[in-house]
Amino acid sequence: MPLGLAALDDLFDAFEELRGALDGNDAVTIEAACERVSRATAAVRAIGAWRSDAAVTERLNAMLPLLESARIRTSLLADHTNQRLALLASHGSSTAPLTYGR
């Protein structure tokens, strides 16, 4: 298997892991999955002429729905979190004193 395709397989697996982590409530797991995506993305970028390899381009195009799914899920979860924090803030700090700690 060409190096570019192996790196893309790792990127695909990293995004699958991230998608699964985003379905949970464990911040450590989500952060670890994000770090894996970051490393896998850097490995794909480091390939160099990956845009000129038709097989790599085809694999990237096949991955676009997964990448978009992770992006949408991240945006949705961030929006949901912001809404919950706004709701807590509207009730005052005495109602939710542990929202943020020092």
PDB file of N, CA and C in Angstrom:
ATOM      1  N   MET A   1       0.848  -1.180   0.000  1.00  0.00           N
ATOM      2  CA  MET A   1       0.000   0.000   0.000  1.00  0.00           C
ATOM      3  C   MET A   1       0.888   1.235   0.000  1.00  0.00           C
ATOM      4  N   PRO A   2       0.616   2.170  -0.910  1.00  0.00           N
ATOM      5  CA  PRO A   2       1.410   3.398  -0.944  1.00  0.00           C
ATOM      6  C   PRO A   2       1.304   4.169   0.369  1.00  0.00           C
ATOM      7  N   LEU A   3       2.363   4.897   0.688  1.00  0.00           N
ATOM      8  CA  LEU A   3       2.431   5.661   1.931  1.00  0.00           C
ATOM      9  C   LEU A   3       1.229   6.585   2.080  1.00  0.00           C
ATOM     10  N   GLY A   4       0.851   7.262   1.009  1.00  0.00           N
ATOM     11  CA  GLY A   4      -0.267   8.195   1.070  1.00  0.00           C
ATOM     12  C   GLY A   4      -1.562   7.526   1.477  1.00  0.00           C
ATOM     13  N   LEU A   5      -1.804   6.324   0.968  1.00  0.00           N
ATOM     14  CA  LEU A   5      -3.042   5.629   1.311  1.00  0.00           C
ATOM     15  C   LEU A   5      -3.025   5.146   2.758  1.00  0.00           C
ATOM     16  N   ALA A   6      -1.862   4.731   3.249  1.00  0.00           N
ATOM     17  CA  ALA A   6      -1.752   4.318   4.651  1.00  0.00           C
ATOM     18  C   ALA A   6      -2.030   5.500   5.571  1.00  0.00           C
ATOM     19  N   ALA A   7      -1.506   6.667   5.222  1.00  0.00           N
ATOM     20  CA  ALA A   7      -1.749   7.870   6.027  1.00  0.00           C
ATOM     21  C   ALA A   7      -3.225   8.242   6.000  1.00  0.00           C
ATOM     22  N   LEU A   8      -3.856   8.055   4.847  1.00  0.00           N
ATOM     23  CA  LEU A   8      -5.287   8.351   4.747  1.00  0.00           C
ATOM     24  C   LEU A   8      -6.119   7.363   5.548  1.00  0.00           C
ATOM     25  N   ASP A   9      -5.696   6.111   5.560  1.00  0.00           N
ATOM     26  CA  ASP A   9      -6.397   5.123   6.381  1.00  0.00           C
ATOM     27  C   ASP A   9      -6.326   5.516   7.853  1.00  0.00           C
ATOM     28  N   ASP A  10      -5.162   5.996   8.287  1.00  0.00           N
ATOM     29  CA  ASP A  10      -5.010   6.440   9.668  1.00  0.00           C
ATOM     30  C   ASP A  10      -5.896   7.657   9.936  1.00  0.00           C
ATOM     31  N   LEU A  11      -5.971   8.577   8.974  1.00  0.00           N
ATOM     32  CA  LEU A  11      -6.833   9.748   9.119  1.00  0.00           C
ATOM     33  C   LEU A  11      -8.299   9.329   9.214  1.00  0.00           C
ATOM     34  N   PHE A  12      -8.703   8.397   8.376  1.00  0.00           N
ATOM     35  CA  PHE A  12     -10.074   7.886   8.410  1.00  0.00           C
ATOM     36  C   PHE A  12     -10.382   7.277   9.776  1.00  0.00           C
ATOM     37  N   ASP A  13      -9.470   6.431  10.267  1.00  0.00           N
ATOM     38  CA  ASP A  13      -9.657   5.809  11.586  1.00  0.00           C
ATOM     39  C   ASP A  13      -9.707   6.847  12.701  1.00  0.00           C
ATOM     40  N   ALA A  14      -8.878   7.890  12.571  1.00  0.00           N
ATOM     41  CA  ALA A  14      -8.851   8.948  13.580  1.00  0.00           C
ATOM     42  C   ALA A  14     -10.188   9.689  13.615  1.00  0.00           C
ATOM     43  N   PHE A  15     -10.755   9.963  12.443  1.00  0.00           N
ATOM     44  CA  PHE A  15     -12.046  10.639  12.407  1.00  0.00           C
ATOM     45  C   PHE A  15     -13.170   9.740  12.914  1.00  0.00           C
ATOM     46  N   GLU A  16     -13.080   8.442  12.646  1.00  0.00           N
ATOM     47  CA  GLU A  16     -14.060   7.504  13.198  1.00  0.00           C
ATOM     48  C   GLU A  16     -13.989   7.519  14.726  1.00  0.00           C
ATOM     49  N   GLU A  17     -12.765   7.532  15.254  1.00  0.00           N
ATOM     50  CA  GLU A  17     -12.580   7.589  16.710  1.00  0.00           C
ATOM     51  C   GLU A  17     -13.148   8.890  17.269  1.00  0.00           C
ATOM     52  N   LEU A  18     -12.900   9.992  16.583  1.00  0.00           N
ATOM     53  CA  LEU A  18     -13.417  11.284  17.030  1.00  0.00           C
ATOM     54  C   LEU A  18     -14.937  11.283  17.027  1.00  0.00           C
ATOM     55  N   ARG A  19     -15.517  10.755  15.979  1.00  0.00           N
ATOM     56  CA  ARG A  19     -16.973  10.711  15.899  1.00  0.00           C
ATOM     57  C   ARG A  19     -17.558   9.911  17.055  1.00  0.00           C
ATOM     58  N   GLY A  20     -16.946   8.784  17.374  1.00  0.00           N
ATOM     59  CA  GLY A  20     -17.390   7.985  18.508  1.00  0.00           C
ATOM     60  C   GLY A  20     -17.199   8.718  19.824  1.00  0.00           C
ATOM     61  N   ALA A  21     -16.078   9.402  19.966  1.00  0.00           N
ATOM     62  CA  ALA A  21     -15.799  10.145  21.202  1.00  0.00           C
ATOM     63  C   ALA A  21     -16.799  11.278  21.398  1.00  0.00           C
ATOM     64  N   LEU A  22     -17.181  11.921  20.312  1.00  0.00           N
ATOM     65  CA  LEU A  22     -18.128  13.026  20.405  1.00  0.00           C
ATOM     66  C   LEU A  22     -19.515  12.560  20.838  1.00  0.00           C
ATOM     67  N   ASP A  23     -19.804  11.295  20.640  1.00  0.00           N
ATOM     68  CA  ASP A  23     -21.085  10.747  21.089  1.00  0.00           C
ATOM     69  C   ASP A  23     -21.100  10.499  22.595  1.00  0.00           C
ATOM     70  N   GLY A  24     -19.932  10.499  23.219  1.00  0.00           N
ATOM     71  CA  GLY A  24     -19.832  10.270  24.663  1.00  0.00           C
ATOM     72  C   GLY A  24     -19.751  11.576  25.424  1.00  0.00           C
ATOM     73  N   ASN A  25     -19.478  11.437  26.698  1.00  0.00           N
ATOM     74  CA  ASN A  25     -19.396  12.614  27.574  1.00  0.00           C
ATOM     75  C   ASN A  25     -18.039  12.746  28.239  1.00  0.00           C
ATOM     76  N   ASP A  26     -17.033  12.057  27.720  1.00  0.00           N
ATOM     77  CA  ASP A  26     -15.724  12.054  28.359  1.00  0.00           C
ATOM     78  C   ASP A  26     -14.787  13.026  27.645  1.00  0.00           C
ATOM     79  N   ALA A  27     -14.497  14.141  28.300  1.00  0.00           N
ATOM     80  CA  ALA A  27     -13.659  15.176  27.695  1.00  0.00           C
ATOM     81  C   ALA A  27     -12.254  14.669  27.385  1.00  0.00           C
ATOM     82  N   VAL A  28     -11.713  13.795  28.229  1.00  0.00           N
ATOM     83  CA  VAL A  28     -10.359  13.258  28.002  1.00  0.00           C
ATOM     84  C   VAL A  28     -10.340  12.429  26.722  1.00  0.00           C
ATOM     85  N   THR A  29     -11.373  11.622  26.505  1.00  0.00           N
ATOM     86  CA  THR A  29     -11.466  10.802  25.298  1.00  0.00           C
ATOM     87  C   THR A  29     -11.602  11.680  24.060  1.00  0.00           C
ATOM     88  N   ILE A  30     -12.411  12.726  24.164  1.00  0.00           N
ATOM     89  CA  ILE A  30     -12.593  13.642  23.029  1.00  0.00           C
ATOM     90  C   ILE A  30     -11.283  14.345  22.705  1.00  0.00           C
ATOM     91  N   GLU A  31     -10.579  14.793  23.737  1.00  0.00           N
ATOM     92  CA  GLU A  31      -9.305  15.483  23.504  1.00  0.00           C
ATOM     93  C   GLU A  31      -8.271  14.543  22.882  1.00  0.00           C
ATOM     94  N   ALA A  32      -8.220  13.305  23.350  1.00  0.00           N
ATOM     95  CA  ALA A  32      -7.280  12.329  22.780  1.00  0.00           C
ATOM     96  C   ALA A  32      -7.615  12.064  21.316  1.00  0.00           C
ATOM     97  N   ALA A  33      -8.900  11.969  20.998  1.00  0.00           N
ATOM     98  CA  ALA A  33      -9.310  11.739  19.613  1.00  0.00           C
ATOM     99  C   ALA A  33      -8.959  12.942  18.738  1.00  0.00           C
ATOM    100  N   CYS A  34      -9.117  14.147  19.279  1.00  0.00           N
ATOM    101  CA  CYS A  34      -8.740  15.356  18.535  1.00  0.00           C
ATOM    102  C   CYS A  34      -7.241  15.393  18.259  1.00  0.00           C
ATOM    103  N   GLU A  35      -6.457  15.002  19.235  1.00  0.00           N
ATOM    104  CA  GLU A  35      -5.004  14.964  19.050  1.00  0.00           C
ATOM    105  C   GLU A  35      -4.621  13.941  17.984  1.00  0.00           C
ATOM    106  N   ARG A  36      -5.325  12.798  17.967  1.00  0.00           N
ATOM    107  CA  ARG A  36      -5.039  11.785  16.941  1.00  0.00           C
ATOM    108  C   ARG A  36      -5.395  12.319  15.563  1.00  0.00           C
ATOM    109  N   VAL A  37      -6.511  13.028  15.438  1.00  0.00           N
ATOM    110  CA  VAL A  37      -6.888  13.631  14.155  1.00  0.00           C
ATOM    111  C   VAL A  37      -5.823  14.632  13.724  1.00  0.00           C
ATOM    112  N   SER A  38      -5.336  15.429  14.663  1.00  0.00           N
ATOM    113  CA  SER A  38      -4.309  16.424  14.351  1.00  0.00           C
ATOM    114  C   SER A  38      -3.037  15.763  13.831  1.00  0.00           C
ATOM    115  N   ARG A  39      -2.598  14.697  14.511  1.00  0.00           N
ATOM    116  CA  ARG A  39      -1.390  13.988  14.066  1.00  0.00           C
ATOM    117  C   ARG A  39      -1.598  13.340  12.697  1.00  0.00           C
ATOM    118  N   ALA A  40      -2.767  12.739  12.495  1.00  0.00           N
ATOM    119  CA  ALA A  40      -3.046  12.072  11.221  1.00  0.00           C
ATOM    120  C   ALA A  40      -3.134  13.095  10.087  1.00  0.00           C
ATOM    121  N   THR A  41      -3.713  14.254  10.375  1.00  0.00           N
ATOM    122  CA  THR A  41      -3.802  15.312   9.366  1.00  0.00           C
ATOM    123  C   THR A  41      -2.408  15.811   8.994  1.00  0.00           C
ATOM    124  N   ALA A  42      -1.563  15.995   9.985  1.00  0.00           N
ATOM    125  CA  ALA A  42      -0.185  16.434   9.725  1.00  0.00           C
ATOM    126  C   ALA A  42       0.560  15.396   8.882  1.00  0.00           C
ATOM    127  N   ALA A  43       0.318  14.123   9.138  1.00  0.00           N
ATOM    128  CA  ALA A  43       0.981  13.064   8.356  1.00  0.00           C
ATOM    129  C   ALA A  43       0.543  13.106   6.904  1.00  0.00           C
ATOM    130  N   VAL A  44      -0.739  13.371   6.663  1.00  0.00           N
ATOM    131  CA  VAL A  44      -1.229  13.465   5.279  1.00  0.00           C
ATOM    132  C   VAL A  44      -0.626  14.684   4.598  1.00  0.00           C
ATOM    133  N   ARG A  45      -0.575  15.799   5.304  1.00  0.00           N
ATOM    134  CA  ARG A  45       0.018  17.008   4.718  1.00  0.00           C
ATOM    135  C   ARG A  45       1.501  16.805   4.417  1.00  0.00           C
ATOM    136  N   ALA A  46       2.181  16.013   5.236  1.00  0.00           N
ATOM    137  CA  ALA A  46       3.621  15.805   5.072  1.00  0.00           C
ATOM    138  C   ALA A  46       3.960  14.947   3.863  1.00  0.00           C
ATOM    139  N   ILE A  47       2.975  14.300   3.291  1.00  0.00           N
ATOM    140  CA  ILE A  47       3.227  13.434   2.130  1.00  0.00           C
ATOM    141  C   ILE A  47       3.816  14.236   0.986  1.00  0.00           C
ATOM    142  N   GLY A  48       3.459  15.502   0.892  1.00  0.00           N
ATOM    143  CA  GLY A  48       4.039  16.348  -0.137  1.00  0.00           C
ATOM    144  C   GLY A  48       3.144  16.459  -1.355  1.00  0.00           C
ATOM    145  N   ALA A  49       3.374  15.645  -2.336  1.00  0.00           N
ATOM    146  CA  ALA A  49       2.640  15.734  -3.599  1.00  0.00           C
ATOM    147  C   ALA A  49       1.383  14.875  -3.587  1.00  0.00           C
ATOM    148  N   TRP A  50       0.690  14.839  -2.470  1.00  0.00           N
ATOM    149  CA  TRP A  50      -0.483  13.974  -2.357  1.00  0.00           C
ATOM    150  C   TRP A  50      -1.595  14.374  -3.309  1.00  0.00           C
ATOM    151  N   ARG A  51      -1.649  15.630  -3.699  1.00  0.00           N
ATOM    152  CA  ARG A  51      -2.705  16.077  -4.611  1.00  0.00           C
ATOM    153  C   ARG A  51      -2.536  15.515  -6.013  1.00  0.00           C
ATOM    154  N   SER A  52      -1.327  15.137  -6.374  1.00  0.00           N
ATOM    155  CA  SER A  52      -1.091  14.637  -7.722  1.00  0.00           C
ATOM    156  C   SER A  52      -1.320  13.136  -7.855  1.00  0.00           C
ATOM    157  N   ASP A  53      -1.526  12.442  -6.761  1.00  0.00           N
ATOM    158  CA  ASP A  53      -1.775  11.001  -6.788  1.00  0.00           C
ATOM    159  C   ASP A  53      -3.279  10.758  -6.858  1.00  0.00           C
ATOM    160  N   ALA A  54      -3.735  10.192  -7.973  1.00  0.00           N
ATOM    161  CA  ALA A  54      -5.166   9.994  -8.204  1.00  0.00           C
ATOM    162  C   ALA A  54      -5.799   9.095  -7.141  1.00  0.00           C
ATOM    163  N   ALA A  55      -5.090   8.072  -6.684  1.00  0.00           N
ATOM    164  CA  ALA A  55      -5.642   7.164  -5.675  1.00  0.00           C
ATOM    165  C   ALA A  55      -5.846   7.883  -4.350  1.00  0.00           C
ATOM    166  N   VAL A  56      -4.913   8.743  -3.993  1.00  0.00           N
ATOM    167  CA  VAL A  56      -5.021   9.494  -2.747  1.00  0.00           C
ATOM    168  C   VAL A  56      -6.174  10.494  -2.848  1.00  0.00           C
ATOM    169  N   THR A  57      -6.270  11.184  -3.963  1.00  0.00           N
ATOM    170  CA  THR A  57      -7.359  12.138  -4.172  1.00  0.00           C
ATOM    171  C   THR A  57      -8.709  11.435  -4.127  1.00  0.00           C
ATOM    172  N   GLU A  58      -8.798  10.270  -4.727  1.00  0.00           N
ATOM    173  CA  GLU A  58     -10.043   9.491  -4.722  1.00  0.00           C
ATOM    174  C   GLU A  58     -10.418   9.093  -3.292  1.00  0.00           C
ATOM    175  N   ARG A  59      -9.431   8.662  -2.525  1.00  0.00           N
ATOM    176  CA  ARG A  59      -9.680   8.265  -1.128  1.00  0.00           C
ATOM    177  C   ARG A  59     -10.133   9.462  -0.286  1.00  0.00           C
ATOM    178  N   LEU A  60      -9.514  10.612  -0.506  1.00  0.00           N
ATOM    179  CA  LEU A  60      -9.925  11.817   0.213  1.00  0.00           C
ATOM    180  C   LEU A  60     -11.364  12.192  -0.123  1.00  0.00           C
ATOM    181  N   ASN A  61     -11.708  12.117  -1.389  1.00  0.00           N
ATOM    182  CA  ASN A  61     -13.079  12.428  -1.794  1.00  0.00           C
ATOM    183  C   ASN A  61     -14.079  11.459  -1.173  1.00  0.00           C
ATOM    184  N   ALA A  62     -13.693  10.207  -1.028  1.00  0.00           N
ATOM    185  CA  ALA A  62     -14.568   9.220  -0.394  1.00  0.00           C
ATOM    186  C   ALA A  62     -14.734   9.508   1.100  1.00  0.00           C
ATOM    187  N   MET A  63     -13.734  10.145   1.699  1.00  0.00           N
ATOM    188  CA  MET A  63     -13.771  10.452   3.131  1.00  0.00           C
ATOM    189  C   MET A  63     -14.551  11.718   3.451  1.00  0.00           C
ATOM    190  N   LEU A  64     -14.857  12.531   2.462  1.00  0.00           N
ATOM    191  CA  LEU A  64     -15.500  13.818   2.724  1.00  0.00           C
ATOM    192  C   LEU A  64     -16.782  13.712   3.550  1.00  0.00           C
ATOM    193  N   PRO A  65     -17.671  12.749   3.294  1.00  0.00           N
ATOM    194  CA  PRO A  65     -18.867  12.668   4.146  1.00  0.00           C
ATOM    195  C   PRO A  65     -18.532  12.430   5.622  1.00  0.00           C
ATOM    196  N   LEU A  66     -17.528  11.606   5.902  1.00  0.00           N
ATOM    197  CA  LEU A  66     -17.122  11.365   7.287  1.00  0.00           C
ATOM    198  C   LEU A  66     -16.551  12.628   7.913  1.00  0.00           C
ATOM    199  N   LEU A  67     -15.714  13.328   7.180  1.00  0.00           N
ATOM    200  CA  LEU A  67     -15.118  14.557   7.689  1.00  0.00           C
ATOM    201  C   LEU A  67     -16.196  15.609   7.952  1.00  0.00           C
ATOM    202  N   GLU A  68     -17.140  15.717   7.035  1.00  0.00           N
ATOM    203  CA  GLU A  68     -18.226  16.680   7.201  1.00  0.00           C
ATOM    204  C   GLU A  68     -19.109  16.304   8.391  1.00  0.00           C
ATOM    205  N   SER A  69     -19.343  15.020   8.566  1.00  0.00           N
ATOM    206  CA  SER A  69     -20.136  14.542   9.696  1.00  0.00           C
ATOM    207  C   SER A  69     -19.481  14.930  11.018  1.00  0.00           C
ATOM    208  N   ALA A  70     -18.190  14.757  11.126  1.00  0.00           N
ATOM    209  CA  ALA A  70     -17.473  15.126  12.350  1.00  0.00           C
ATOM    210  C   ALA A  70     -17.515  16.634  12.571  1.00  0.00           C
ATOM    211  N   ARG A  71     -17.386  17.390  11.501  1.00  0.00           N
ATOM    212  CA  ARG A  71     -17.431  18.852  11.612  1.00  0.00           C
ATOM    213  C   ARG A  71     -18.805  19.316  12.099  1.00  0.00           C
ATOM    214  N   ILE A  72     -19.860  18.762  11.524  1.00  0.00           N
ATOM    215  CA  ILE A  72     -21.216  19.146  11.909  1.00  0.00           C
ATOM    216  C   ILE A  72     -21.487  18.743  13.355  1.00  0.00           C
ATOM    217  N   ARG A  73     -21.062  17.539  13.714  1.00  0.00           N
ATOM    218  CA  ARG A  73     -21.280  17.063  15.088  1.00  0.00           C
ATOM    219  C   ARG A  73     -20.556  17.966  16.088  1.00  0.00           C
ATOM    220  N   THR A  74     -19.344  18.366  15.764  1.00  0.00           N
ATOM    221  CA  THR A  74     -18.584  19.259  16.639  1.00  0.00           C
ATOM    222  C   THR A  74     -19.296  20.600  16.796  1.00  0.00           C
ATOM    223  N   SER A  75     -19.771  21.157  15.694  1.00  0.00           N
ATOM    224  CA  SER A  75     -20.486  22.430  15.747  1.00  0.00           C
ATOM    225  C   SER A  75     -21.777  22.315  16.549  1.00  0.00           C
ATOM    226  N   LEU A  76     -22.500  21.234  16.351  1.00  0.00           N
ATOM    227  CA  LEU A  76     -23.746  21.021  17.076  1.00  0.00           C
ATOM    228  C   LEU A  76     -23.507  20.890  18.577  1.00  0.00           C
ATOM    229  N   LEU A  77     -22.488  20.117  18.950  1.00  0.00           N
ATOM    230  CA  LEU A  77     -22.186  19.950  20.367  1.00  0.00           C
ATOM    231  C   LEU A  77     -21.702  21.251  21.000  1.00  0.00           C
ATOM    232  N   ALA A  78     -20.920  22.025  20.270  1.00  0.00           N
ATOM    233  CA  ALA A  78     -20.463  23.319  20.795  1.00  0.00           C
ATOM    234  C   ALA A  78     -21.651  24.255  20.995  1.00  0.00           C
ATOM    235  N   ASP A  79     -22.578  24.269  20.049  1.00  0.00           N
ATOM    236  CA  ASP A  79     -23.758  25.104  20.174  1.00  0.00           C
ATOM    237  C   ASP A  79     -24.620  24.666  21.362  1.00  0.00           C
ATOM    238  N   HIS A  80     -24.771  23.364  21.516  1.00  0.00           N
ATOM    239  CA  HIS A  80     -25.552  22.833  22.632  1.00  0.00           C
ATOM    240  C   HIS A  80     -24.908  23.224  23.970  1.00  0.00           C
ATOM    241  N   THR A  81     -23.608  23.121  24.051  1.00  0.00           N
ATOM    242  CA  THR A  81     -22.890  23.501  25.271  1.00  0.00           C
ATOM    243  C   THR A  81     -23.070  24.987  25.559  1.00  0.00           C
ATOM    244  N   ASN A  82     -22.944  25.817  24.525  1.00  0.00           N
ATOM    245  CA  ASN A  82     -23.132  27.262  24.717  1.00  0.00           C
ATOM    246  C   ASN A  82     -24.541  27.576  25.205  1.00  0.00           C
ATOM    247  N   GLN A  83     -25.540  26.879  24.669  1.00  0.00           N
ATOM    248  CA  GLN A  83     -26.914  27.099  25.113  1.00  0.00           C
ATOM    249  C   GLN A  83     -27.088  26.716  26.583  1.00  0.00           C
ATOM    250  N   ARG A  84     -26.501  25.595  26.977  1.00  0.00           N
ATOM    251  CA  ARG A  84     -26.618  25.159  28.376  1.00  0.00           C
ATOM    252  C   ARG A  84     -25.907  26.129  29.322  1.00  0.00           C
ATOM    253  N   LEU A  85     -24.726  26.601  28.919  1.00  0.00           N
ATOM    254  CA  LEU A  85     -24.010  27.571  29.751  1.00  0.00           C
ATOM    255  C   LEU A  85     -24.793  28.886  29.864  1.00  0.00           C
ATOM    256  N   ALA A  86     -25.414  29.303  28.773  1.00  0.00           N
ATOM    257  CA  ALA A  86     -26.218  30.524  28.800  1.00  0.00           C
ATOM    258  C   ALA A  86     -27.418  30.350  29.731  1.00  0.00           C
ATOM    259  N   LEU A  87     -28.028  29.177  29.693  1.00  0.00           N
ATOM    260  CA  LEU A  87     -29.160  28.903  30.573  1.00  0.00           C
ATOM    261  C   LEU A  87     -28.723  28.924  32.037  1.00  0.00           C
ATOM    262  N   LEU A  88     -27.586  28.282  32.329  1.00  0.00           N
ATOM    263  CA  LEU A  88     -27.068  28.313  33.699  1.00  0.00           C
ATOM    264  C   LEU A  88     -26.740  29.735  34.135  1.00  0.00           C
ATOM    265  N   ALA A  89     -26.129  30.494  33.244  1.00  0.00           N
ATOM    266  CA  ALA A  89     -25.757  31.873  33.581  1.00  0.00           C
ATOM    267  C   ALA A  89     -26.996  32.726  33.841  1.00  0.00           C
ATOM    268  N   SER A  90     -28.076  32.443  33.116  1.00  0.00           N
ATOM    269  CA  SER A  90     -29.296  33.233  33.319  1.00  0.00           C
ATOM    270  C   SER A  90     -29.924  32.971  34.690  1.00  0.00           C
ATOM    271  N   HIS A  91     -29.590  31.842  35.297  1.00  0.00           N
ATOM    272  CA  HIS A  91     -30.110  31.525  36.629  1.00  0.00           C
ATOM    273  C   HIS A  91     -29.198  32.033  37.751  1.00  0.00           C
ATOM    274  N   GLY A  92     -28.078  32.571  37.386  1.00  0.00           N
ATOM    275  CA  GLY A  92     -27.172  33.154  38.377  1.00  0.00           C
ATOM    276  C   GLY A  92     -26.159  32.155  38.908  1.00  0.00           C
ATOM    277  N   SER A  93     -25.103  32.692  39.484  1.00  0.00           N
ATOM    278  CA  SER A  93     -24.003  31.850  39.955  1.00  0.00           C
ATOM    279  C   SER A  93     -24.369  31.018  41.164  1.00  0.00           C
ATOM    280  N   SER A  94     -25.365  31.430  41.932  1.00  0.00           N
ATOM    281  CA  SER A  94     -25.733  30.644  43.113  1.00  0.00           C
ATOM    282  C   SER A  94     -26.440  29.344  42.734  1.00  0.00           C
ATOM    283  N   THR A  95     -27.062  29.314  41.556  1.00  0.00           N
ATOM    284  CA  THR A  95     -27.757  28.116  41.098  1.00  0.00           C
ATOM    285  C   THR A  95     -26.775  27.079  40.561  1.00  0.00           C
ATOM    286  N   ALA A  96     -25.724  27.536  39.892  1.00  0.00           N
ATOM    287  CA  ALA A  96     -24.755  26.629  39.279  1.00  0.00           C
ATOM    288  C   ALA A  96     -23.338  27.090  39.606  1.00  0.00           C
ATOM    289  N   PRO A  97     -22.938  27.004  40.874  1.00  0.00           N
ATOM    290  CA  PRO A  97     -21.631  27.555  41.273  1.00  0.00           C
ATOM    291  C   PRO A  97     -20.438  26.774  40.718  1.00  0.00           C
ATOM    292  N   LEU A  98     -20.623  25.542  40.253  1.00  0.00           N
ATOM    293  CA  LEU A  98     -19.487  24.742  39.805  1.00  0.00           C
ATOM    294  C   LEU A  98     -19.322  24.715  38.291  1.00  0.00           C
ATOM    295  N   THR A  99     -19.987  25.612  37.580  1.00  0.00           N
ATOM    296  CA  THR A  99     -19.839  25.646  36.136  1.00  0.00           C
ATOM    297  C   THR A  99     -18.389  25.873  35.737  1.00  0.00           C
ATOM    298  N   TYR A 100     -17.761  26.819  36.401  1.00  0.00           N
ATOM    299  CA  TYR A 100     -16.340  27.073  36.182  1.00  0.00           C
ATOM    300  C   TYR A 100     -15.671  27.178  37.549  1.00  0.00           C
ATOM    301  N   GLY A 101     -14.524  26.566  37.666  1.00  0.00           N
ATOM    302  CA  GLY A 101     -13.783  26.655  38.924  1.00  0.00           C
ATOM    303  C   GLY A 101     -12.495  27.413  38.727  1.00  0.00           C
ATOM    304  N   ARG A 102     -11.899  27.810  39.806  1.00  0.00           N
ATOM    305  CA  ARG A 102     -10.610  28.500  39.725  1.00  0.00           C
ATOM    306  C   ARG A 102      -9.555  27.664  40.352  1.00  0.00           C
TER     307      ARG A 102
END
